[in-house]
């Protein structure tokens, strides 16, 4: 049985998982609704849910709270009725690769 110390709150940015005892906070955002830039100081996990993608990002994570993150995410999956939710650290968004522009040869050469 999973811990009952977790609960869900609604914020302006989206939902958030909280832990009563440790005060662990994990923000839940819909990737398809916004431009998301991961915070390098936090942990990010991704999942496909319904017709879109979710990102779970810790908020002010402390090292001693890291082991609780997996339990919190498992609790969330069961809470929303999708216990088989696949959660990964891999960002599912396609990587946009830019190709450097190379100038063509001087096209203003005169033809004799």
PDB file of N, CA and C in Angstrom:
ATOM      1  N   UNK A   1       0.831  -1.181   0.000  1.00  0.00           N
ATOM      2  CA  UNK A   1       0.000   0.000   0.000  1.00  0.00           C
ATOM      3  C   UNK A   1       0.878   1.247   0.000  1.00  0.00           C
ATOM      4  N   UNK A   2       0.465   2.223  -0.781  1.00  0.00           N
ATOM      5  CA  UNK A   2       1.232   3.449  -0.884  1.00  0.00           C
ATOM      6  C   UNK A   2       0.974   4.375   0.293  1.00  0.00           C
ATOM      7  N   UNK A   3       1.911   5.260   0.506  1.00  0.00           N
ATOM      8  CA  UNK A   3       1.792   6.241   1.579  1.00  0.00           C
ATOM      9  C   UNK A   3       0.556   7.114   1.370  1.00  0.00           C
ATOM     10  N   UNK A   4      -0.091   7.458   2.457  1.00  0.00           N
ATOM     11  CA  UNK A   4      -1.218   8.376   2.379  1.00  0.00           C
ATOM     12  C   UNK A   4      -0.791   9.778   2.777  1.00  0.00           C
ATOM     13  N   UNK A   5       0.505  10.008   2.814  1.00  0.00           N
ATOM     14  CA  UNK A   5       1.011  11.327   3.165  1.00  0.00           C
ATOM     15  C   UNK A   5       0.980  12.297   1.992  1.00  0.00           C
ATOM     16  N   UNK A   6       0.691  11.812   0.793  1.00  0.00           N
ATOM     17  CA  UNK A   6       0.684  12.674  -0.384  1.00  0.00           C
ATOM     18  C   UNK A   6      -0.709  13.249  -0.605  1.00  0.00           C
ATOM     19  N   UNK A   7      -0.745  14.427  -1.177  1.00  0.00           N
ATOM     20  CA  UNK A   7      -2.015  15.027  -1.574  1.00  0.00           C
ATOM     21  C   UNK A   7      -1.760  15.929  -2.773  1.00  0.00           C
ATOM     22  N   UNK A   8      -2.814  16.299  -3.465  1.00  0.00           N
ATOM     23  CA  UNK A   8      -2.726  17.104  -4.677  1.00  0.00           C
ATOM     24  C   UNK A   8      -3.340  18.469  -4.414  1.00  0.00           C
ATOM     25  N   UNK A   9      -2.643  19.519  -4.829  1.00  0.00           N
ATOM     26  CA  UNK A   9      -3.208  20.862  -4.730  1.00  0.00           C
ATOM     27  C   UNK A   9      -3.193  21.496  -6.113  1.00  0.00           C
ATOM     28  N   UNK A  10      -4.058  22.456  -6.326  1.00  0.00           N
ATOM     29  CA  UNK A  10      -4.099  23.182  -7.584  1.00  0.00           C
ATOM     30  C   UNK A  10      -3.447  24.538  -7.392  1.00  0.00           C
ATOM     31  N   UNK A  11      -2.579  24.885  -8.348  1.00  0.00           N
ATOM     32  CA  UNK A  11      -1.919  26.186  -8.326  1.00  0.00           C
ATOM     33  C   UNK A  11      -2.220  26.884  -9.642  1.00  0.00           C
ATOM     34  N   UNK A  12      -1.798  28.124  -9.773  1.00  0.00           N
ATOM     35  CA  UNK A  12      -2.000  28.849 -11.031  1.00  0.00           C
ATOM     36  C   UNK A  12      -1.272  28.176 -12.190  1.00  0.00           C
ATOM     37  N   UNK A  13      -0.122  27.607 -11.910  1.00  0.00           N
ATOM     38  CA  UNK A  13       0.684  26.972 -12.954  1.00  0.00           C
ATOM     39  C   UNK A  13       0.212  25.566 -13.291  1.00  0.00           C
ATOM     40  N   UNK A  14      -0.548  24.931 -12.406  1.00  0.00           N
ATOM     41  CA  UNK A  14      -0.988  23.557 -12.614  1.00  0.00           C
ATOM     42  C   UNK A  14      -1.093  22.848 -11.275  1.00  0.00           C
ATOM     43  N   UNK A  15      -1.216  21.544 -11.334  1.00  0.00           N
ATOM     44  CA  UNK A  15      -1.322  20.766 -10.100  1.00  0.00           C
ATOM     45  C   UNK A  15       0.044  20.564  -9.465  1.00  0.00           C
ATOM     46  N   UNK A  16       0.025  20.226  -8.171  1.00  0.00           N
ATOM     47  CA  UNK A  16       1.257  19.960  -7.450  1.00  0.00           C
ATOM     48  C   UNK A  16       1.024  18.841  -6.449  1.00  0.00           C
ATOM     49  N   UNK A  17       1.960  17.895  -6.434  1.00  0.00           N
ATOM     50  CA  UNK A  17       1.947  16.832  -5.431  1.00  0.00           C
ATOM     51  C   UNK A  17       2.711  17.354  -4.224  1.00  0.00           C
ATOM     52  N   UNK A  18       2.134  17.157  -3.044  1.00  0.00           N
ATOM     53  CA  UNK A  18       2.803  17.554  -1.801  1.00  0.00           C
ATOM     54  C   UNK A  18       2.856  16.355  -0.866  1.00  0.00           C
ATOM     55  N   UNK A  19       3.846  16.340  -0.014  1.00  0.00           N
ATOM     56  CA  UNK A  19       3.948  15.323   1.022  1.00  0.00           C
ATOM     57  C   UNK A  19       3.764  16.015   2.368  1.00  0.00           C
ATOM     58  N   UNK A  20       2.857  15.496   3.177  1.00  0.00           N
ATOM     59  CA  UNK A  20       2.521  16.108   4.461  1.00  0.00           C
ATOM     60  C   UNK A  20       3.731  16.202   5.377  1.00  0.00           C
ATOM     61  N   UNK A  21       4.480  15.122   5.504  1.00  0.00           N
ATOM     62  CA  UNK A  21       5.568  15.076   6.489  1.00  0.00           C
ATOM     63  C   UNK A  21       6.833  15.795   6.021  1.00  0.00           C
ATOM     64  N   UNK A  22       7.278  15.503   4.808  1.00  0.00           N
ATOM     65  CA  UNK A  22       8.560  16.044   4.351  1.00  0.00           C
ATOM     66  C   UNK A  22       8.434  17.376   3.622  1.00  0.00           C
ATOM     67  N   UNK A  23       7.232  17.724   3.194  1.00  0.00           N
ATOM     68  CA  UNK A  23       6.967  18.918   2.397  1.00  0.00           C
ATOM     69  C   UNK A  23       7.584  18.839   0.998  1.00  0.00           C
ATOM     70  N   UNK A  24       7.818  17.623   0.519  1.00  0.00           N
ATOM     71  CA  UNK A  24       8.230  17.427  -0.861  1.00  0.00           C
ATOM     72  C   UNK A  24       7.179  18.064  -1.764  1.00  0.00           C
ATOM     73  N   UNK A  25       7.635  18.757  -2.808  1.00  0.00           N
ATOM     74  CA  UNK A  25       6.724  19.369  -3.771  1.00  0.00           C
ATOM     75  C   UNK A  25       7.138  18.965  -5.177  1.00  0.00           C
ATOM     76  N   UNK A  26       6.160  18.524  -5.956  1.00  0.00           N
ATOM     77  CA  UNK A  26       6.402  18.164  -7.351  1.00  0.00           C
ATOM     78  C   UNK A  26       5.339  18.841  -8.191  1.00  0.00           C
ATOM     79  N   UNK A  27       5.770  19.714  -9.059  1.00  0.00           N
ATOM     80  CA  UNK A  27       4.870  20.438  -9.947  1.00  0.00           C
ATOM     81  C   UNK A  27       4.492  19.538 -11.129  1.00  0.00           C
ATOM     82  N   UNK A  28       3.223  19.585 -11.543  1.00  0.00           N
ATOM     83  CA  UNK A  28       2.740  18.795 -12.679  1.00  0.00           C
ATOM     84  C   UNK A  28       2.264  19.769 -13.745  1.00  0.00           C
ATOM     85  N   UNK A  29       2.888  19.719 -14.902  1.00  0.00           N
ATOM     86  CA  UNK A  29       2.557  20.639 -15.987  1.00  0.00           C
ATOM     87  C   UNK A  29       2.207  19.864 -17.248  1.00  0.00           C
ATOM     88  N   UNK A  30       1.344  20.428 -18.065  1.00  0.00           N
ATOM     89  CA  UNK A  30       1.004  19.830 -19.358  1.00  0.00           C
ATOM     90  C   UNK A  30       1.965  20.382 -20.397  1.00  0.00           C
ATOM     91  N   UNK A  31       2.795  19.498 -20.941  1.00  0.00           N
ATOM     92  CA  UNK A  31       3.812  19.933 -21.903  1.00  0.00           C
ATOM     93  C   UNK A  31       3.201  20.542 -23.149  1.00  0.00           C
ATOM     94  N   UNK A  32       2.048  20.062 -23.552  1.00  0.00           N
ATOM     95  CA  UNK A  32       1.449  20.510 -24.801  1.00  0.00           C
ATOM     96  C   UNK A  32       0.862  21.910 -24.687  1.00  0.00           C
ATOM     97  N   UNK A  33       0.676  22.407 -23.474  1.00  0.00           N
ATOM     98  CA  UNK A  33       0.055  23.715 -23.258  1.00  0.00           C
ATOM     99  C   UNK A  33       1.049  24.849 -23.094  1.00  0.00           C
ATOM    100  N   UNK A  34       2.321  24.519 -23.003  1.00  0.00           N
ATOM    101  CA  UNK A  34       3.279  25.566 -22.676  1.00  0.00           C
ATOM    102  C   UNK A  34       4.683  25.225 -23.152  1.00  0.00           C
ATOM    103  N   UNK A  35       5.521  26.236 -23.195  1.00  0.00           N
ATOM    104  CA  UNK A  35       6.937  26.024 -23.472  1.00  0.00           C
ATOM    105  C   UNK A  35       7.593  25.706 -22.127  1.00  0.00           C
ATOM    106  N   UNK A  36       8.174  24.533 -22.016  1.00  0.00           N
ATOM    107  CA  UNK A  36       8.784  24.118 -20.752  1.00  0.00           C
ATOM    108  C   UNK A  36      10.286  24.076 -20.901  1.00  0.00           C
ATOM    109  N   UNK A  37      10.969  24.768 -20.013  1.00  0.00           N
ATOM    110  CA  UNK A  37      12.429  24.733 -19.956  1.00  0.00           C
ATOM    111  C   UNK A  37      12.790  24.125 -18.601  1.00  0.00           C
ATOM    112  N   UNK A  38      13.403  22.939 -18.613  1.00  0.00           N
ATOM    113  CA  UNK A  38      13.732  22.275 -17.345  1.00  0.00           C
ATOM    114  C   UNK A  38      14.711  23.090 -16.507  1.00  0.00           C
ATOM    115  N   UNK A  39      14.488  23.082 -15.212  1.00  0.00           N
ATOM    116  CA  UNK A  39      15.394  23.726 -14.272  1.00  0.00           C
ATOM    117  C   UNK A  39      16.505  22.716 -13.959  1.00  0.00           C
ATOM    118  N   UNK A  40      17.760  23.037 -14.264  1.00  0.00           N
ATOM    119  CA  UNK A  40      18.853  22.074 -14.048  1.00  0.00           C
ATOM    120  C   UNK A  40      19.064  21.693 -12.584  1.00  0.00           C
ATOM    121  N   UNK A  41      18.524  22.458 -11.654  1.00  0.00           N
ATOM    122  CA  UNK A  41      18.664  22.157 -10.230  1.00  0.00           C
ATOM    123  C   UNK A  41      17.595  21.194  -9.729  1.00  0.00           C
ATOM    124  N   UNK A  42      16.623  20.874 -10.562  1.00  0.00           N
ATOM    125  CA  UNK A  42      15.502  20.043 -10.164  1.00  0.00           C
ATOM    126  C   UNK A  42      15.481  18.731 -10.940  1.00  0.00           C
ATOM    127  N   UNK A  43      14.646  17.802 -10.478  1.00  0.00           N
ATOM    128  CA  UNK A  43      14.443  16.529 -11.168  1.00  0.00           C
ATOM    129  C   UNK A  43      13.217  16.660 -12.061  1.00  0.00           C
ATOM    130  N   UNK A  44      13.302  16.119 -13.277  1.00  0.00           N
ATOM    131  CA  UNK A  44      12.176  16.130 -14.189  1.00  0.00           C
ATOM    132  C   UNK A  44      11.853  14.706 -14.618  1.00  0.00           C
ATOM    133  N   UNK A  45      10.564  14.428 -14.697  1.00  0.00           N
ATOM    134  CA  UNK A  45      10.074  13.147 -15.199  1.00  0.00           C
ATOM    135  C   UNK A  45       8.912  13.438 -16.132  1.00  0.00           C
ATOM    136  N   UNK A  46       8.737  12.574 -17.121  1.00  0.00           N
ATOM    137  CA  UNK A  46       7.754  12.813 -18.163  1.00  0.00           C
ATOM    138  C   UNK A  46       6.840  11.606 -18.300  1.00  0.00           C
ATOM    139  N   UNK A  47       5.612  11.882 -18.753  1.00  0.00           N
ATOM    140  CA  UNK A  47       4.664  10.801 -18.959  1.00  0.00           C
ATOM    141  C   UNK A  47       3.658  11.203 -20.015  1.00  0.00           C
ATOM    142  N   UNK A  48       3.129  10.210 -20.678  1.00  0.00           N
ATOM    143  CA  UNK A  48       2.019  10.415 -21.596  1.00  0.00           C
ATOM    144  C   UNK A  48       0.753  10.129 -20.800  1.00  0.00           C
ATOM    145  N   UNK A  49      -0.215  11.044 -20.878  1.00  0.00           N
ATOM    146  CA  UNK A  49      -1.459  10.867 -20.131  1.00  0.00           C
ATOM    147  C   UNK A  49      -2.594  11.463 -20.946  1.00  0.00           C
ATOM    148  N   UNK A  50      -3.614  10.663 -21.141  1.00  0.00           N
ATOM    149  CA  UNK A  50      -4.757  11.045 -21.967  1.00  0.00           C
ATOM    150  C   UNK A  50      -4.246  11.427 -23.348  1.00  0.00           C
ATOM    151  N   UNK A  51      -4.499  12.648 -23.786  1.00  0.00           N
ATOM    152  CA  UNK A  51      -4.105  13.040 -25.146  1.00  0.00           C
ATOM    153  C   UNK A  51      -2.869  13.917 -25.190  1.00  0.00           C
ATOM    154  N   UNK A  52      -2.049  13.890 -24.164  1.00  0.00           N
ATOM    155  CA  UNK A  52      -0.890  14.765 -24.146  1.00  0.00           C
ATOM    156  C   UNK A  52       0.227  14.231 -23.285  1.00  0.00           C
ATOM    157  N   UNK A  53       1.160  15.096 -23.002  1.00  0.00           N
ATOM    158  CA  UNK A  53       2.322  14.756 -22.188  1.00  0.00           C
ATOM    159  C   UNK A  53       2.320  15.593 -20.920  1.00  0.00           C
ATOM    160  N   UNK A  54       2.757  14.968 -19.847  1.00  0.00           N
ATOM    161  CA  UNK A  54       2.922  15.658 -18.568  1.00  0.00           C
ATOM    162  C   UNK A  54       4.398  15.729 -18.226  1.00  0.00           C
ATOM    163  N   UNK A  55       4.756  16.766 -17.508  1.00  0.00           N
ATOM    164  CA  UNK A  55       6.091  16.828 -16.930  1.00  0.00           C
ATOM    165  C   UNK A  55       5.908  17.008 -15.427  1.00  0.00           C
ATOM    166  N   UNK A  56       6.683  16.255 -14.691  1.00  0.00           N
ATOM    167  CA  UNK A  56       6.725  16.351 -13.237  1.00  0.00           C
ATOM    168  C   UNK A  56       8.075  16.967 -12.896  1.00  0.00           C
ATOM    169  N   UNK A  57       8.080  18.087 -12.203  1.00  0.00           N
ATOM    170  CA  UNK A  57       9.343  18.727 -11.839  1.00  0.00           C
ATOM    171  C   UNK A  57       9.332  19.043 -10.350  1.00  0.00           C
ATOM    172  N   UNK A  58      10.382  18.607  -9.669  1.00  0.00           N
ATOM    173  CA  UNK A  58      10.481  18.893  -8.240  1.00  0.00           C
ATOM    174  C   UNK A  58      10.630  20.395  -8.026  1.00  0.00           C
ATOM    175  N   UNK A  59      10.289  20.836  -6.833  1.00  0.00           N
ATOM    176  CA  UNK A  59      10.397  22.243  -6.467  1.00  0.00           C
ATOM    177  C   UNK A  59      11.303  22.342  -5.242  1.00  0.00           C
ATOM    178  N   UNK A  60      12.432  22.997  -5.419  1.00  0.00           N
ATOM    179  CA  UNK A  60      13.409  23.157  -4.330  1.00  0.00           C
ATOM    180  C   UNK A  60      13.757  21.817  -3.677  1.00  0.00           C
ATOM    181  N   UNK A  61      14.102  20.844  -4.500  1.00  0.00           N
ATOM    182  CA  UNK A  61      14.391  19.488  -4.005  1.00  0.00           C
ATOM    183  C   UNK A  61      15.624  19.489  -3.102  1.00  0.00           C
ATOM    184  N   UNK A  62      15.531  18.746  -2.043  1.00  0.00           N
ATOM    185  CA  UNK A  62      16.660  18.517  -1.133  1.00  0.00           C
ATOM    186  C   UNK A  62      17.133  17.083  -1.363  1.00  0.00           C
ATOM    187  N   UNK A  63      18.419  16.843  -1.198  1.00  0.00           N
ATOM    188  CA  UNK A  63      18.965  15.509  -1.456  1.00  0.00           C
ATOM    189  C   UNK A  63      18.246  14.418  -0.674  1.00  0.00           C
ATOM    190  N   UNK A  64      17.897  14.692   0.557  1.00  0.00           N
ATOM    191  CA  UNK A  64      17.266  13.660   1.378  1.00  0.00           C
ATOM    192  C   UNK A  64      15.828  13.353   0.939  1.00  0.00           C
ATOM    193  N   UNK A  65      15.247  14.219   0.073  1.00  0.00           N
ATOM    194  CA  UNK A  65      13.883  13.978  -0.411  1.00  0.00           C
ATOM    195  C   UNK A  65      13.842  13.170  -1.707  1.00  0.00           C
ATOM    196  N   UNK A  66      14.971  13.018  -2.370  1.00  0.00           N
ATOM    197  CA  UNK A  66      14.997  12.328  -3.668  1.00  0.00           C
ATOM    198  C   UNK A  66      14.366  10.931  -3.636  1.00  0.00           C
ATOM    199  N   UNK A  67      14.600  10.121  -2.594  1.00  0.00           N
ATOM    200  CA  UNK A  67      13.982   8.789  -2.575  1.00  0.00           C
ATOM    201  C   UNK A  67      12.446   8.820  -2.541  1.00  0.00           C
ATOM    202  N   UNK A  68      11.857   9.893  -2.085  1.00  0.00           N
ATOM    203  CA  UNK A  68      10.400   9.992  -2.014  1.00  0.00           C
ATOM    204  C   UNK A  68       9.739  10.282  -3.363  1.00  0.00           C
ATOM    205  N   UNK A  69      10.514  10.775  -4.318  1.00  0.00           N
ATOM    206  CA  UNK A  69       9.933  11.189  -5.596  1.00  0.00           C
ATOM    207  C   UNK A  69       9.239  10.022  -6.297  1.00  0.00           C
ATOM    208  N   UNK A  70       9.878   8.864  -6.362  1.00  0.00           N
ATOM    209  CA  UNK A  70       9.269   7.703  -7.031  1.00  0.00           C
ATOM    210  C   UNK A  70       7.950   7.315  -6.370  1.00  0.00           C
ATOM    211  N   UNK A  71       7.915   7.333  -5.050  1.00  0.00           N
ATOM    212  CA  UNK A  71       6.673   7.004  -4.338  1.00  0.00           C
ATOM    213  C   UNK A  71       5.585   8.023  -4.638  1.00  0.00           C
ATOM    214  N   UNK A  72       5.957   9.294  -4.696  1.00  0.00           N
ATOM    215  CA  UNK A  72       4.981  10.347  -4.990  1.00  0.00           C
ATOM    216  C   UNK A  72       4.411  10.187  -6.396  1.00  0.00           C
ATOM    217  N   UNK A  73       5.257   9.849  -7.359  1.00  0.00           N
ATOM    218  CA  UNK A  73       4.785   9.681  -8.733  1.00  0.00           C
ATOM    219  C   UNK A  73       3.905   8.443  -8.862  1.00  0.00           C
ATOM    220  N   UNK A  74       4.258   7.389  -8.161  1.00  0.00           N
ATOM    221  CA  UNK A  74       3.421   6.187  -8.160  1.00  0.00           C
ATOM    222  C   UNK A  74       2.066   6.492  -7.515  1.00  0.00           C
ATOM    223  N   UNK A  75       2.086   7.248  -6.428  1.00  0.00           N
ATOM    224  CA  UNK A  75       0.838   7.644  -5.779  1.00  0.00           C
ATOM    225  C   UNK A  75      -0.035   8.428  -6.752  1.00  0.00           C
ATOM    226  N   UNK A  76       0.569   9.371  -7.492  1.00  0.00           N
ATOM    227  CA  UNK A  76      -0.187  10.197  -8.437  1.00  0.00           C
ATOM    228  C   UNK A  76      -0.835   9.335  -9.516  1.00  0.00           C
ATOM    229  N   UNK A  77      -0.066   8.391 -10.067  1.00  0.00           N
ATOM    230  CA  UNK A  77      -0.603   7.517 -11.124  1.00  0.00           C
ATOM    231  C   UNK A  77      -1.832   6.756 -10.614  1.00  0.00           C
ATOM    232  N   UNK A  78      -1.758   6.265  -9.407  1.00  0.00           N
ATOM    233  CA  UNK A  78      -2.910   5.558  -8.837  1.00  0.00           C
ATOM    234  C   UNK A  78      -4.043   6.529  -8.509  1.00  0.00           C
ATOM    235  N   UNK A  79      -3.708   7.703  -8.049  1.00  0.00           N
ATOM    236  CA  UNK A  79      -4.711   8.711  -7.692  1.00  0.00           C
ATOM    237  C   UNK A  79      -5.560   9.097  -8.901  1.00  0.00           C
ATOM    238  N   UNK A  80      -4.920   9.231 -10.075  1.00  0.00           N
ATOM    239  CA  UNK A  80      -5.671   9.619 -11.285  1.00  0.00           C
ATOM    240  C   UNK A  80      -6.281   8.416 -11.992  1.00  0.00           C
ATOM    241  N   UNK A  81      -6.138   7.223 -11.406  1.00  0.00           N
ATOM    242  CA  UNK A  81      -6.756   6.033 -11.981  1.00  0.00           C
ATOM    243  C   UNK A  81      -5.998   5.436 -13.148  1.00  0.00           C
ATOM    244  N   UNK A  82      -4.700   5.677 -13.202  1.00  0.00           N
ATOM    245  CA  UNK A  82      -3.880   5.157 -14.294  1.00  0.00           C
ATOM    246  C   UNK A  82      -2.598   4.552 -13.705  1.00  0.00           C
ATOM    247  N   UNK A  83      -2.741   3.454 -12.915  1.00  0.00           N
ATOM    248  CA  UNK A  83      -1.575   2.889 -12.217  1.00  0.00           C
ATOM    249  C   UNK A  83      -0.491   2.352 -13.146  1.00  0.00           C
ATOM    250  N   UNK A  84      -0.828   2.074 -14.395  1.00  0.00           N
ATOM    251  CA  UNK A  84       0.187   1.581 -15.329  1.00  0.00           C
ATOM    252  C   UNK A  84       0.887   2.719 -16.085  1.00  0.00           C
ATOM    253  N   UNK A  85       0.706   3.951 -15.620  1.00  0.00           N
ATOM    254  CA  UNK A  85       1.333   5.118 -16.246  1.00  0.00           C
ATOM    255  C   UNK A  85       2.841   4.897 -16.363  1.00  0.00           C
ATOM    256  N   UNK A  86       3.358   5.105 -17.544  1.00  0.00           N
ATOM    257  CA  UNK A  86       4.802   4.985 -17.777  1.00  0.00           C
ATOM    258  C   UNK A  86       5.424   6.358 -17.524  1.00  0.00           C
ATOM    259  N   UNK A  87       6.316   6.422 -16.568  1.00  0.00           N
ATOM    260  CA  UNK A  87       6.987   7.673 -16.217  1.00  0.00           C
ATOM    261  C   UNK A  87       8.478   7.492 -16.463  1.00  0.00           C
ATOM    262  N   UNK A  88       9.063   8.444 -17.175  1.00  0.00           N
ATOM    263  CA  UNK A  88      10.455   8.322 -17.593  1.00  0.00           C
ATOM    264  C   UNK A  88      11.186   9.638 -17.375  1.00  0.00           C
ATOM    265  N   UNK A  89      12.490   9.554 -17.319  1.00  0.00           N
ATOM    266  CA  UNK A  89      13.293  10.777 -17.233  1.00  0.00           C
ATOM    267  C   UNK A  89      13.613  11.333 -18.623  1.00  0.00           C
ATOM    268  N   UNK A  90      13.181  10.631 -19.665  1.00  0.00           N
ATOM    269  CA  UNK A  90      13.424  11.062 -21.052  1.00  0.00           C
ATOM    270  C   UNK A  90      12.331  12.009 -21.518  1.00  0.00           C
ATOM    271  N   UNK A  91      12.716  13.163 -22.012  1.00  0.00           N
ATOM    272  CA  UNK A  91      11.772  14.140 -22.543  1.00  0.00           C
ATOM    273  C   UNK A  91      11.201  13.600 -23.860  1.00  0.00           C
ATOM    274  N   UNK A  92       9.871  13.452 -23.974  1.00  0.00           N
ATOM    275  CA  UNK A  92       9.279  12.865 -25.177  1.00  0.00           C
ATOM    276  C   UNK A  92       9.156  13.832 -26.347  1.00  0.00           C
ATOM    277  N   UNK A  93       9.431  15.083 -26.123  1.00  0.00           N
ATOM    278  CA  UNK A  93       9.285  16.053 -27.213  1.00  0.00           C
ATOM    279  C   UNK A  93      10.372  15.842 -28.251  1.00  0.00           C
ATOM    280  N   UNK A  94      10.018  16.007 -29.516  1.00  0.00           N
ATOM    281  CA  UNK A  94      11.041  15.848 -30.560  1.00  0.00           C
ATOM    282  C   UNK A  94      12.108  16.932 -30.418  1.00  0.00           C
ATOM    283  N   UNK A  95      13.326  16.527 -30.694  1.00  0.00           N
ATOM    284  CA  UNK A  95      14.441  17.463 -30.628  1.00  0.00           C
ATOM    285  C   UNK A  95      14.486  18.215 -31.945  1.00  0.00           C
ATOM    286  N   UNK A  96      14.479  19.521 -31.860  1.00  0.00           N
ATOM    287  CA  UNK A  96      14.571  20.343 -33.065  1.00  0.00           C
ATOM    288  C   UNK A  96      16.041  20.620 -33.311  1.00  0.00           C
ATOM    289  N   UNK A  97      16.497  20.138 -34.431  1.00  0.00           N
ATOM    290  CA  UNK A  97      17.901  20.335 -34.773  1.00  0.00           C
ATOM    291  C   UNK A  97      17.997  21.467 -35.794  1.00  0.00           C
ATOM    292  N   UNK A  98      18.947  22.339 -35.577  1.00  0.00           N
ATOM    293  CA  UNK A  98      19.148  23.422 -36.528  1.00  0.00           C
ATOM    294  C   UNK A  98      20.344  23.088 -37.395  1.00  0.00           C
ATOM    295  N   UNK A  99      20.203  23.389 -38.661  1.00  0.00           N
ATOM    296  CA  UNK A  99      21.286  23.147 -39.607  1.00  0.00           C
ATOM    297  C   UNK A  99      21.951  24.486 -39.875  1.00  0.00           C
ATOM    298  N   UNK A 100      23.264  24.537 -39.703  1.00  0.00           N
ATOM    299  CA  UNK A 100      23.927  25.820 -39.945  1.00  0.00           C
ATOM    300  C   UNK A 100      23.779  26.233 -41.405  1.00  0.00           C
ATOM    301  N   UNK A 101      23.542  27.505 -41.598  1.00  0.00           N
ATOM    302  CA  UNK A 101      23.385  28.050 -42.946  1.00  0.00           C
ATOM    303  C   UNK A 101      24.754  28.228 -43.565  1.00  0.00           C
ATOM    304  N   UNK A 102      24.936  27.702 -44.762  1.00  0.00           N
ATOM    305  CA  UNK A 102      26.200  27.896 -45.470  1.00  0.00           C
ATOM    306  C   UNK A 102      25.910  28.698 -46.724  1.00  0.00           C
ATOM    307  N   UNK A 103      26.656  29.729 -46.905  1.00  0.00           N
ATOM    308  CA  UNK A 103      26.447  30.596 -48.064  1.00  0.00           C
ATOM    309  C   UNK A 103      26.891  29.880 -49.331  1.00  0.00           C
ATOM    310  N   UNK A 104      26.131  30.117 -50.364  1.00  0.00           N
ATOM    311  CA  UNK A 104      26.504  29.559 -51.661  1.00  0.00           C
ATOM    312  C   UNK A 104      27.653  30.363 -52.232  1.00  0.00           C
ATOM    313  N   UNK A 105      28.244  29.832 -53.257  1.00  0.00           N
ATOM    314  CA  UNK A 105      29.337  30.554 -53.912  1.00  0.00           C
ATOM    315  C   UNK A 105      28.795  31.894 -54.387  1.00  0.00           C
ATOM    316  N   UNK A 106      29.668  32.806 -54.605  1.00  0.00           N
ATOM    317  CA  UNK A 106      29.280  34.142 -55.032  1.00  0.00           C
ATOM    318  C   UNK A 106      28.433  34.037 -56.306  1.00  0.00           C
ATOM    319  N   UNK A 107      27.168  34.319 -56.194  1.00  0.00           N
ATOM    320  CA  UNK A 107      26.286  34.175 -57.367  1.00  0.00           C
ATOM    321  C   UNK A 107      26.222  35.445 -58.190  1.00  0.00           C
ATOM    322  N   UNK A 108      26.960  36.431 -57.816  1.00  0.00           N
ATOM    323  CA  UNK A 108      26.942  37.685 -58.571  1.00  0.00           C
ATOM    324  C   UNK A 108      28.046  37.712 -59.631  1.00  0.00           C
ATOM    325  N   UNK A 109      28.669  36.569 -59.874  1.00  0.00           N
ATOM    326  CA  UNK A 109      29.716  36.528 -60.893  1.00  0.00           C
ATOM    327  C   UNK A 109      29.091  36.747 -62.257  1.00  0.00           C
ATOM    328  N   UNK A 110      29.785  37.477 -63.085  1.00  0.00           N
ATOM    329  CA  UNK A 110      29.270  37.740 -64.431  1.00  0.00           C
ATOM    330  C   UNK A 110      29.647  36.599 -65.354  1.00  0.00           C
ATOM    331  N   UNK A 111      28.760  36.300 -66.258  1.00  0.00           N
ATOM    332  CA  UNK A 111      29.008  35.243 -67.231  1.00  0.00           C
ATOM    333  C   UNK A 111      29.434  35.903 -68.523  1.00  0.00           C
ATOM    334  N   UNK A 112      30.578  35.469 -69.058  1.00  0.00           N
ATOM    335  CA  UNK A 112      31.058  36.066 -70.308  1.00  0.00           C
ATOM    336  C   UNK A 112      30.789  35.163 -71.456  1.00  0.00           C
TER     337      UNK A 112
END
